[in-house]
Amino acid sequence: MKLFNQFRLPTVKESTSQSRRKFLQRMAQAGVLLPLASSMLGQKVLAQGGSAQRVLFLYYPNGVVPYNWLPQQGAGAISGSQELSFGLGPLAPWHNRMIVLQNLTLDIGSGAGAHYNDMRGILTGNNQISRESASIDHLIAEQLGSEGVLSLGVRTGSRSDIMISKPRGYDSEARPIPNNDPADTAQKLAVGIQGGGNDSNGEKQAYYEAVLNDFDSLANATLDAARRDKLTLHENALKRLRDLASNQVGQCTFNTNVMSDPYYASSNQLTPTEWQMFPHLARAQVDNIVGAFSCGLHRVATLQLSKGDENGNLVNYSYDECWQMAQDAISQGIQSTSESGPLGATTRWYNEFASHSASHRPGDVPHTAQVRWYHSLLAYTLQQLEDRGLLDDTLVVMFSEVGDGSKHGGAAGAVTLAGGAGGALQMGRIINCGDGANNGQRIFGTHQLFGDVARYLGVNSLPESHWSGGVV
């Protein structure tokens, strides 16, 4: 009541003589515009400041070539927009919207040392968790609402035991396979936004429009930089709420006429033409996720790109975009595989030589090129979020399951956070999380990082104590 006593809504008579712009301007200066809007609308306002509103966990297989991924700058603030490294190169325009975590220990559980063990443990910290336990994406979604996790994949194959995301009620080796078909995903998401508006929604839309019409005056109010940034977040949130209320065409629609992938579960070698679909499929799934975020259908999504042993792992190296990046790597002096022997004096090898001849042994150039391509997909994701007005209060967590490459060790993991996180995180940083050696002398691990991620989403109660936080 105190709020309404001090800032009561004007009567009809008063509204004819008092500028609505001045009224809203006073409320903005007092910092009560959004709390008032929230109470009037009877629903959560998406951009409340101080926490992220949605999170995407973005997984890519096989880790990185450490010396071609590690930032050339040391720990601390990122000094400029130049490429931090070849692997991180596509993120240069987003340098002030990301945190690079180097030498983060990957808590992948006991019995690790094969792709399927590493992958199953990356979001859980234990690849043998109980049927009633869940991975961190589901733990977050359980407390944010009823939408659940939007779990998508690109060429993950048909093996349920090699899936990073695990809901409650599933055995660890029988996890659901994510939806690998962008067209099918879009059609199912479109069902969630069908139906016309009603009178209540029409009234809400009109209210949103009235407030949005006044943001030009609010932006001219005497506000410090932090409050101006929050004002921008609030404006983006109101635009999304307006579009949701009206179910209008544009912001909250899905293009269901997108490509399908009938080959994702195939156990046979695919043709080069079929592998060329991979980058387009990946971008189509990103578009689906951004669309679902924009329409409020989900607040948590997980995108699993491929896995570690499918079809000779040709998906990692056999399409034109990756080939071009390989040529860029060579032009920058990154060495190719020596033909003189497995330990050629002039060649640095990644991972073990005895196995994974298709996956890891084509040499540093194609693997490094693939890692650069994955980070170009992250850059694409950030651009799509920015275009929808979602980047400021979204957090993207990009990671893989292999650390320093020594028999799939968990040390020296490569993880990137990106987005705005609702202003809760200081972006534009490089954090050194350990010594980079696979000797158990870790400083920070993924369990702690994912605990931080949960808390930045407003989830402060997790079932296991090992989600301790403290990394960022």
Protein backbone atom coordinates (compact mmCIF):
# COMPACT_ATOMS: atom_id res chain seq x y z
CA MET A 1 0.00 0.00 0.00
CA LYS A 2 2.85 2.37 0.71
CA LEU A 3 3.92 2.13 -2.92
CA PHE A 4 0.45 3.09 -4.17
CA ASN A 5 0.06 5.84 -1.55
CA GLN A 6 3.23 7.49 -2.76
CA PHE A 7 2.78 6.76 -6.48
CA ARG A 8 -0.93 6.29 -6.93
CA LEU A 9 -2.31 5.91 -10.44
CA PRO A 10 -3.94 9.11 -11.76
CA THR A 11 -7.70 9.32 -12.02
CA VAL A 12 -9.37 9.82 -15.38
CA LYS A 13 -9.72 13.53 -14.61
CA GLU A 14 -6.12 13.81 -13.56
CA SER A 15 -4.96 11.98 -16.67
CA THR A 16 -6.39 14.76 -18.82
CA SER A 17 -4.29 17.39 -17.09
CA GLN A 18 -1.22 15.47 -16.03
CA SER A 19 1.22 14.17 -18.57
CA ARG A 20 1.41 10.41 -18.50
CA ARG A 21 5.00 10.76 -19.60
CA LYS A 22 5.90 12.84 -16.56
CA PHE A 23 4.10 10.42 -14.29
CA LEU A 24 6.05 7.43 -15.63
CA GLN A 25 9.25 9.45 -15.64
CA ARG A 26 8.92 10.12 -11.90
CA MET A 27 8.35 6.44 -11.28
CA ALA A 28 11.39 5.53 -13.36
CA GLN A 29 13.54 7.99 -11.44
CA ALA A 30 12.31 6.44 -8.21
CA GLY A 31 13.06 2.95 -9.52
CA VAL A 32 9.50 1.65 -9.12
CA LEU A 33 8.24 1.44 -12.72
CA LEU A 34 8.87 -2.27 -13.17
CA PRO A 35 7.66 -3.37 -9.72
CA LEU A 36 4.45 -1.44 -10.36
CA ALA A 37 4.05 -2.97 -13.83
CA SER A 38 4.60 -6.41 -12.35
CA SER A 39 1.90 -5.95 -9.71
CA MET A 40 -0.59 -4.58 -12.25
CA LEU A 41 0.00 -7.36 -14.76
CA GLY A 42 -0.16 -10.16 -12.25
CA GLN A 43 2.79 -11.97 -13.81
CA LYS A 44 6.55 -12.05 -13.68
CA VAL A 45 8.37 -9.29 -15.51
CA LEU A 46 11.15 -11.04 -17.35
CA ALA A 47 13.96 -8.55 -16.89
CA GLN A 48 14.20 -7.97 -13.16
CA GLY A 49 17.90 -7.18 -13.10
CA GLY A 50 20.55 -9.05 -11.18
CA SER A 51 19.87 -12.48 -12.65
CA ALA A 52 19.75 -14.23 -15.98
CA GLN A 53 16.34 -15.19 -17.27
CA ARG A 54 17.28 -18.13 -19.46
CA VAL A 55 20.25 -20.41 -20.11
CA LEU A 56 21.52 -22.47 -23.04
CA PHE A 57 23.99 -25.30 -22.45
CA LEU A 58 25.87 -25.78 -25.73
CA TYR A 59 27.97 -28.95 -26.01
CA TYR A 60 30.50 -29.88 -28.68
CA PRO A 61 32.50 -33.16 -28.74
CA ASN A 62 36.18 -34.07 -28.47
CA GLY A 63 37.55 -31.07 -26.59
CA VAL A 64 40.07 -28.65 -28.04
CA VAL A 65 43.68 -28.55 -29.11
CA PRO A 66 44.79 -26.64 -26.00
CA TYR A 67 47.62 -24.59 -27.45
CA ASN A 68 45.45 -23.45 -30.37
CA TRP A 69 42.51 -22.55 -28.09
CA LEU A 70 44.14 -20.97 -25.04
CA PRO A 71 43.77 -17.17 -25.05
CA GLN A 72 46.96 -15.35 -25.87
CA GLN A 73 46.13 -12.81 -23.18
CA GLY A 74 46.55 -13.70 -19.54
CA ALA A 75 43.91 -13.84 -16.86
CA GLY A 76 41.99 -10.63 -16.28
CA ALA A 77 39.99 -8.21 -18.40
CA ILE A 78 39.99 -8.85 -22.14
CA SER A 79 41.99 -5.95 -23.52
CA GLY A 80 40.42 -5.57 -26.94
CA SER A 81 38.49 -7.02 -29.84
CA GLN A 82 41.35 -8.87 -31.50
CA GLU A 83 41.23 -12.65 -31.78
CA LEU A 84 42.15 -14.26 -28.46
CA SER A 85 43.31 -17.40 -30.24
CA PHE A 86 42.60 -19.29 -33.43
CA GLY A 87 39.97 -21.47 -31.78
CA LEU A 88 38.20 -18.51 -30.14
CA GLY A 89 38.63 -16.27 -33.17
CA PRO A 90 34.98 -15.98 -34.28
CA LEU A 91 34.08 -14.53 -30.87
CA ALA A 92 36.28 -11.44 -31.25
CA PRO A 93 33.26 -9.15 -31.89
CA TRP A 94 31.71 -10.47 -28.67
CA HIS A 95 34.80 -10.06 -26.48
CA ASN A 96 32.94 -7.90 -23.97
CA ARG A 97 30.05 -10.35 -23.76
CA MET A 98 31.96 -13.46 -22.73
CA ILE A 99 34.05 -15.06 -20.02
CA VAL A 100 36.74 -17.54 -21.05
CA LEU A 101 37.46 -20.21 -18.42
CA GLN A 102 40.76 -21.94 -19.10
CA ASN A 103 42.12 -25.00 -17.29
CA LEU A 104 38.75 -25.69 -15.69
CA THR A 105 38.71 -29.24 -14.34
CA LEU A 106 35.95 -31.30 -15.93
CA ASP A 107 34.13 -33.17 -13.15
CA ILE A 108 33.09 -36.14 -15.25
CA GLY A 109 32.91 -38.85 -12.60
CA SER A 110 34.61 -42.15 -11.96
CA GLY A 111 35.44 -44.56 -14.73
CA ALA A 112 36.05 -41.81 -17.25
CA GLY A 113 38.42 -42.38 -20.13
CA ALA A 114 36.01 -43.07 -22.97
CA HIS A 115 33.78 -40.63 -24.76
CA TYR A 116 30.54 -42.11 -23.47
CA ASN A 117 31.69 -41.92 -19.84
CA ASP A 118 33.00 -38.39 -20.24
CA MET A 119 29.88 -37.18 -21.98
CA ARG A 120 27.43 -38.67 -19.52
CA GLY A 121 29.22 -37.02 -16.62
CA ILE A 122 29.73 -33.52 -17.97
CA LEU A 123 26.43 -32.03 -16.73
CA THR A 124 26.11 -34.30 -13.71
CA GLY A 125 29.64 -34.72 -12.37
CA ASN A 126 29.03 -38.45 -12.19
CA ASN A 127 28.36 -40.64 -15.18
CA GLN A 128 26.65 -43.25 -12.98
CA ILE A 129 24.14 -41.07 -11.13
CA SER A 130 20.98 -42.63 -9.80
CA ARG A 131 17.69 -42.91 -11.61
CA GLU A 132 16.18 -40.18 -9.43
CA SER A 133 19.03 -37.71 -9.97
CA ALA A 134 19.15 -35.20 -12.81
CA SER A 135 21.68 -33.16 -14.75
CA ILE A 136 22.12 -29.49 -13.93
CA ASP A 137 19.95 -28.26 -16.84
CA HIS A 138 16.97 -30.21 -15.48
CA LEU A 139 17.71 -29.18 -11.90
CA ILE A 140 17.52 -25.54 -12.96
CA ALA A 141 14.40 -26.02 -15.07
CA GLU A 142 12.59 -27.79 -12.23
CA GLN A 143 12.79 -24.66 -10.11
CA LEU A 144 12.13 -22.08 -12.82
CA GLY A 145 8.71 -23.31 -13.91
CA SER A 146 6.83 -26.01 -15.73
CA GLU A 147 8.36 -25.58 -19.18
CA GLY A 148 11.14 -28.13 -18.69
CA VAL A 149 14.33 -28.39 -20.75
CA LEU A 150 14.24 -27.95 -24.51
CA SER A 151 16.67 -30.75 -25.38
CA LEU A 152 17.87 -30.68 -28.98
CA GLY A 153 20.69 -32.35 -30.87
CA VAL A 154 22.52 -32.41 -34.18
CA ARG A 155 23.73 -35.82 -35.34
CA THR A 156 23.86 -37.32 -31.86
CA GLY A 157 23.17 -40.81 -33.16
CA SER A 158 20.90 -43.46 -31.72
CA ARG A 159 22.77 -44.42 -28.53
CA SER A 160 20.85 -43.22 -25.50
CA ASP A 161 23.80 -43.86 -23.20
CA ILE A 162 25.84 -41.10 -24.88
CA MET A 163 23.61 -38.16 -24.01
CA ILE A 164 24.72 -35.31 -21.78
CA SER A 165 21.27 -34.36 -20.46
CA LYS A 166 19.43 -36.56 -17.95
CA PRO A 167 15.94 -35.92 -16.54
CA ARG A 168 14.76 -37.54 -13.35
CA GLY A 169 13.32 -41.01 -13.67
CA TYR A 170 15.76 -42.32 -16.26
CA ASP A 171 18.63 -44.71 -15.75
CA SER A 172 21.96 -43.12 -16.53
CA GLU A 173 22.50 -45.46 -19.48
CA ALA A 174 18.99 -44.94 -20.88
CA ARG A 175 18.77 -41.19 -21.25
CA PRO A 176 16.35 -39.68 -23.76
CA ILE A 177 17.79 -38.90 -27.16
CA PRO A 178 17.33 -35.20 -27.95
CA ASN A 179 15.23 -34.16 -30.91
CA ASN A 180 17.66 -34.14 -33.85
CA ASP A 181 15.17 -32.97 -36.47
CA PRO A 182 14.86 -29.16 -36.78
CA ALA A 183 11.63 -29.36 -38.76
CA ASP A 184 9.95 -31.62 -36.23
CA THR A 185 11.21 -29.40 -33.40
CA ALA A 186 9.76 -26.28 -35.04
CA GLN A 187 6.39 -27.93 -35.60
CA LYS A 188 6.14 -29.00 -31.98
CA LEU A 189 7.18 -25.59 -30.68
CA ALA A 190 4.65 -23.90 -32.94
CA VAL A 191 1.88 -25.81 -31.15
CA GLY A 192 2.81 -23.95 -27.97
CA ILE A 193 1.99 -20.55 -29.43
CA GLN A 194 -1.17 -21.40 -31.36
CA GLY A 195 -4.50 -19.85 -30.43
CA GLY A 196 -5.84 -16.34 -30.60
CA GLY A 197 -5.75 -13.64 -27.99
CA ASN A 198 -8.60 -12.97 -25.58
CA ASP A 199 -9.91 -9.81 -23.99
CA SER A 200 -7.47 -10.08 -21.11
CA ASN A 201 -4.55 -10.46 -23.45
CA GLY A 202 -5.79 -7.51 -25.47
CA GLU A 203 -5.87 -5.34 -22.38
CA LYS A 204 -2.37 -6.43 -21.43
CA GLN A 205 -1.09 -5.73 -24.90
CA ALA A 206 -2.56 -2.24 -24.78
CA TYR A 207 -0.88 -1.65 -21.43
CA TYR A 208 2.46 -2.78 -22.77
CA GLU A 209 2.08 -0.52 -25.77
CA ALA A 210 1.29 2.45 -23.51
CA VAL A 211 4.38 1.87 -21.39
CA LEU A 212 6.59 1.30 -24.43
CA ASN A 213 5.36 4.58 -25.92
CA ASP A 214 6.74 6.33 -22.86
CA PHE A 215 10.21 4.82 -22.91
CA ASP A 216 11.48 7.64 -25.12
CA SER A 217 10.83 10.03 -22.25
CA LEU A 218 12.11 7.61 -19.65
CA ALA A 219 15.39 7.32 -21.53
CA ASN A 220 15.84 11.08 -21.14
CA ALA A 221 15.38 10.94 -17.38
CA THR A 222 18.36 11.74 -15.19
CA LEU A 223 19.64 8.21 -14.61
CA ASP A 224 23.08 6.83 -14.01
CA ALA A 225 24.59 4.35 -16.48
CA ALA A 226 23.55 1.29 -14.48
CA ARG A 227 19.92 2.39 -14.37
CA ARG A 228 19.95 3.19 -18.07
CA ASP A 229 21.20 -0.35 -18.77
CA LYS A 230 18.39 -1.77 -16.66
CA LEU A 231 15.91 0.43 -18.50
CA THR A 232 17.02 -1.18 -21.77
CA LEU A 233 16.52 -4.64 -20.27
CA HIS A 234 13.04 -3.65 -19.10
CA GLU A 235 12.10 -2.33 -22.52
CA ASN A 236 13.16 -5.58 -24.20
CA ALA A 237 11.18 -7.56 -21.63
CA LEU A 238 8.04 -5.51 -22.21
CA LYS A 239 8.32 -6.00 -25.96
CA ARG A 240 8.42 -9.75 -25.47
CA LEU A 241 5.45 -9.66 -23.09
CA ARG A 242 3.52 -7.51 -25.57
CA ASP A 243 4.12 -10.02 -28.35
CA LEU A 244 3.19 -12.94 -26.13
CA ALA A 245 -0.05 -11.25 -25.10
CA SER A 246 -1.17 -10.73 -28.68
CA ASN A 247 0.21 -13.93 -30.23
CA GLN A 248 1.12 -11.66 -33.09
CA VAL A 249 2.85 -12.89 -36.20
CA GLY A 250 6.56 -12.17 -36.23
CA GLN A 251 8.24 -12.33 -32.86
CA CYS A 252 6.51 -15.49 -31.67
CA THR A 253 6.21 -17.67 -34.73
CA PHE A 254 8.25 -20.59 -36.03
CA ASN A 255 9.13 -21.37 -39.59
CA THR A 256 8.12 -25.01 -39.79
CA ASN A 257 9.33 -25.22 -43.39
CA VAL A 258 12.90 -26.00 -42.35
CA MET A 259 15.24 -28.85 -43.12
CA SER A 260 14.95 -32.30 -41.65
CA ASP A 261 17.78 -34.72 -40.95
CA PRO A 262 16.77 -38.33 -41.66
CA TYR A 263 20.36 -39.50 -41.16
CA TYR A 264 21.11 -38.55 -37.55
CA ALA A 265 20.52 -42.08 -36.24
CA SER A 266 22.27 -43.84 -39.09
CA SER A 267 25.00 -46.31 -38.26
CA ASN A 268 26.33 -46.24 -41.81
CA GLN A 269 28.90 -43.95 -43.33
CA LEU A 270 27.16 -40.95 -44.81
CA THR A 271 27.96 -39.39 -48.12
CA PRO A 272 29.81 -36.05 -48.31
CA THR A 273 26.58 -34.37 -49.41
CA GLU A 274 24.82 -35.64 -46.29
CA TRP A 275 27.64 -34.43 -44.05
CA GLN A 276 27.43 -31.02 -45.68
CA MET A 277 24.04 -30.64 -43.96
CA PHE A 278 25.66 -30.45 -40.52
CA PRO A 279 26.31 -26.68 -40.20
CA HIS A 280 22.86 -25.85 -41.57
CA LEU A 281 21.21 -28.28 -39.16
CA ALA A 282 23.15 -26.77 -36.26
CA ARG A 283 22.05 -23.23 -37.11
CA ALA A 284 18.45 -24.40 -37.58
CA GLN A 285 18.43 -25.87 -34.08
CA VAL A 286 19.88 -22.65 -32.66
CA ASP A 287 17.07 -20.77 -34.40
CA ASN A 288 14.55 -23.10 -32.75
CA ILE A 289 16.04 -22.46 -29.32
CA VAL A 290 16.10 -18.68 -29.76
CA GLY A 291 12.52 -18.79 -30.98
CA ALA A 292 11.43 -20.82 -27.95
CA PHE A 293 13.22 -18.36 -25.65
CA SER A 294 11.65 -15.40 -27.41
CA CYS A 295 8.13 -16.78 -27.04
CA GLY A 296 8.59 -17.78 -23.41
CA LEU A 297 8.08 -21.46 -24.17
CA HIS A 298 11.30 -22.50 -22.41
CA ARG A 299 13.87 -20.86 -20.18
CA VAL A 300 16.40 -23.73 -20.23
CA ALA A 301 17.73 -25.41 -23.37
CA THR A 302 20.48 -27.92 -24.07
CA LEU A 303 21.98 -28.39 -27.54
CA GLN A 304 24.19 -31.43 -28.05
CA LEU A 305 26.28 -31.27 -31.19
CA SER A 306 27.22 -34.72 -32.41
CA LYS A 307 29.11 -37.10 -30.14
CA GLY A 308 32.53 -38.61 -29.94
CA ASP A 309 32.37 -41.75 -32.06
CA GLU A 310 29.66 -41.51 -34.69
CA ASN A 311 30.29 -42.63 -38.25
CA GLY A 312 34.04 -42.40 -37.99
CA ASN A 313 33.47 -38.86 -36.68
CA LEU A 314 33.35 -37.54 -40.23
CA VAL A 315 30.88 -34.94 -39.03
CA ASN A 316 33.77 -33.09 -37.48
CA TYR A 317 35.81 -32.51 -40.60
CA SER A 318 33.86 -33.17 -43.77
CA TYR A 319 32.05 -30.01 -44.76
CA ASP A 320 33.10 -26.91 -46.63
CA GLU A 321 32.94 -24.38 -43.80
CA CYS A 322 35.30 -26.45 -41.67
CA TRP A 323 37.58 -27.07 -44.63
CA GLN A 324 37.92 -23.35 -45.20
CA MET A 325 38.82 -22.84 -41.56
CA ALA A 326 41.47 -25.53 -41.94
CA GLN A 327 43.01 -23.51 -44.77
CA ASP A 328 42.94 -20.45 -42.52
CA ALA A 329 44.72 -22.45 -39.82
CA ILE A 330 47.47 -23.47 -42.22
CA SER A 331 47.87 -19.88 -43.40
CA GLN A 332 48.39 -18.83 -39.78
CA GLY A 333 51.14 -21.39 -39.25
CA ILE A 334 49.24 -24.14 -37.47
CA GLN A 335 51.03 -27.35 -38.36
CA SER A 336 49.51 -30.34 -40.06
CA THR A 337 50.21 -33.96 -39.24
CA SER A 338 53.76 -35.06 -39.87
CA GLU A 339 54.12 -38.05 -42.16
CA SER A 340 57.47 -38.97 -40.66
CA GLY A 341 55.97 -40.72 -37.66
CA PRO A 342 53.50 -40.42 -34.80
CA LEU A 343 55.88 -38.24 -32.80
CA GLY A 344 57.46 -36.15 -35.51
CA ALA A 345 59.89 -33.65 -34.07
CA THR A 346 58.18 -30.67 -35.66
CA THR A 347 54.62 -31.74 -34.97
CA ARG A 348 52.66 -31.44 -31.73
CA TRP A 349 50.07 -34.16 -31.46
CA TYR A 350 46.74 -33.96 -29.72
CA ASN A 351 45.37 -36.86 -27.69
CA GLU A 352 46.52 -40.46 -27.82
CA PHE A 353 47.96 -41.80 -31.03
CA ALA A 354 46.86 -45.40 -30.67
CA SER A 355 43.11 -44.83 -31.07
CA HIS A 356 40.54 -42.56 -32.66
CA SER A 357 42.32 -42.50 -35.98
CA ALA A 358 39.30 -40.84 -37.56
CA SER A 359 38.33 -38.70 -34.60
CA HIS A 360 41.54 -37.18 -33.29
CA ARG A 361 44.36 -38.30 -35.52
CA PRO A 362 43.89 -36.40 -38.77
CA GLY A 363 46.21 -33.89 -37.16
CA ASP A 364 45.92 -30.60 -35.38
CA VAL A 365 44.75 -28.62 -38.40
CA PRO A 366 41.33 -30.25 -39.00
CA HIS A 367 40.61 -30.57 -35.29
CA THR A 368 41.56 -26.97 -34.63
CA ALA A 369 39.47 -25.92 -37.62
CA GLN A 370 36.49 -27.79 -36.19
CA VAL A 371 36.87 -26.09 -32.80
CA ARG A 372 36.96 -22.71 -34.53
CA TRP A 373 33.78 -23.66 -36.39
CA TYR A 374 32.03 -24.58 -33.13
CA HIS A 375 32.87 -21.15 -31.77
CA SER A 376 31.54 -19.59 -34.96
CA LEU A 377 28.25 -21.31 -34.10
CA LEU A 378 28.41 -19.69 -30.66
CA ALA A 379 28.91 -16.32 -32.37
CA TYR A 380 25.87 -17.07 -34.56
CA THR A 381 23.86 -17.90 -31.43
CA LEU A 382 24.80 -14.63 -29.76
CA GLN A 383 23.81 -12.69 -32.87
CA GLN A 384 20.40 -14.36 -33.01
CA LEU A 385 19.82 -13.60 -29.33
CA GLU A 386 20.88 -10.01 -29.89
CA ASP A 387 18.54 -9.65 -32.86
CA ARG A 388 15.60 -10.83 -30.72
CA GLY A 389 16.51 -8.55 -27.82
CA LEU A 390 17.32 -11.54 -25.61
CA LEU A 391 21.08 -11.37 -25.22
CA ASP A 392 21.17 -9.01 -22.24
CA ASP A 393 19.43 -11.43 -19.90
CA THR A 394 20.51 -14.78 -21.37
CA LEU A 395 23.51 -16.92 -20.40
CA VAL A 396 25.11 -19.38 -22.84
CA VAL A 397 27.45 -22.05 -21.46
CA MET A 398 29.67 -23.68 -24.11
CA PHE A 399 31.75 -26.71 -23.18
CA SER A 400 33.14 -30.06 -24.25
CA GLU A 401 33.95 -33.29 -22.44
CA VAL A 402 37.71 -33.68 -23.00
CA GLY A 403 40.31 -31.67 -21.10
CA ASP A 404 44.02 -31.74 -21.77
CA GLY A 405 43.71 -34.55 -24.30
CA SER A 406 45.84 -37.00 -22.35
CA LYS A 407 43.71 -40.14 -22.41
CA HIS A 408 40.61 -37.98 -22.07
CA GLY A 409 41.82 -36.37 -18.87
CA GLY A 410 39.57 -33.95 -17.01
CA ALA A 411 42.17 -31.25 -16.46
CA ALA A 412 42.58 -28.15 -18.62
CA GLY A 413 38.99 -28.00 -19.76
CA ALA A 414 37.88 -25.26 -22.13
CA VAL A 415 34.61 -23.52 -21.21
CA THR A 416 33.12 -20.24 -22.42
CA LEU A 417 30.28 -18.26 -20.85
CA ALA A 418 28.58 -15.69 -23.07
CA GLY A 419 25.64 -13.32 -23.03
CA GLY A 420 24.51 -10.68 -20.58
CA ALA A 421 23.22 -12.80 -17.67
CA GLY A 422 20.86 -9.99 -16.66
CA GLY A 423 23.76 -7.85 -15.54
CA ALA A 424 24.63 -10.34 -12.81
CA LEU A 425 28.06 -11.18 -14.25
CA GLN A 426 31.01 -9.03 -15.17
CA MET A 427 31.70 -10.14 -18.72
CA GLY A 428 34.80 -9.51 -20.85
CA ARG A 429 37.15 -11.59 -18.70
CA ILE A 430 39.58 -14.49 -18.85
CA ILE A 431 39.72 -16.67 -15.74
CA ASN A 432 42.49 -19.18 -15.13
CA CYS A 433 40.87 -21.98 -13.14
CA GLY A 434 43.84 -24.26 -12.46
CA ASP A 435 47.33 -25.38 -13.33
CA GLY A 436 46.27 -27.19 -16.48
CA ALA A 437 47.90 -30.46 -15.41
CA ASN A 438 46.08 -33.74 -15.12
CA ASN A 439 47.45 -34.38 -11.64
CA GLY A 440 44.52 -33.65 -9.38
CA GLN A 441 45.79 -30.21 -8.36
CA ARG A 442 42.66 -28.47 -9.48
CA ILE A 443 41.40 -25.10 -8.33
CA PHE A 444 37.95 -24.94 -9.90
CA GLY A 445 35.77 -27.51 -11.65
CA THR A 446 32.55 -27.73 -13.61
CA HIS A 447 30.55 -28.69 -10.53
CA GLN A 448 31.36 -25.33 -9.00
CA LEU A 449 30.80 -23.46 -12.26
CA PHE A 450 27.38 -25.01 -12.86
CA GLY A 451 26.45 -24.16 -9.29
CA ASP A 452 27.25 -20.54 -10.16
CA VAL A 453 25.15 -20.79 -13.32
CA ALA A 454 22.16 -22.07 -11.33
CA ARG A 455 22.40 -19.24 -8.83
CA TYR A 456 22.67 -16.63 -11.59
CA LEU A 457 19.34 -18.04 -12.82
CA GLY A 458 17.89 -17.47 -9.36
CA VAL A 459 18.13 -21.12 -8.31
CA ASN A 460 19.65 -21.12 -4.84
CA SER A 461 18.67 -24.58 -3.64
CA LEU A 462 20.26 -27.56 -5.36
CA PRO A 463 19.93 -31.13 -4.04
CA GLU A 464 23.64 -31.94 -3.87
CA SER A 465 26.22 -29.89 -2.00
CA HIS A 466 28.84 -30.33 -4.70
CA TRP A 467 27.20 -27.59 -6.80
CA SER A 468 29.16 -25.22 -4.61
CA GLY A 469 29.89 -22.30 -6.94
CA GLY A 470 32.66 -19.79 -6.55
CA VAL A 471 34.18 -19.79 -10.05
CA VAL A 472 32.63 -16.62 -11.44
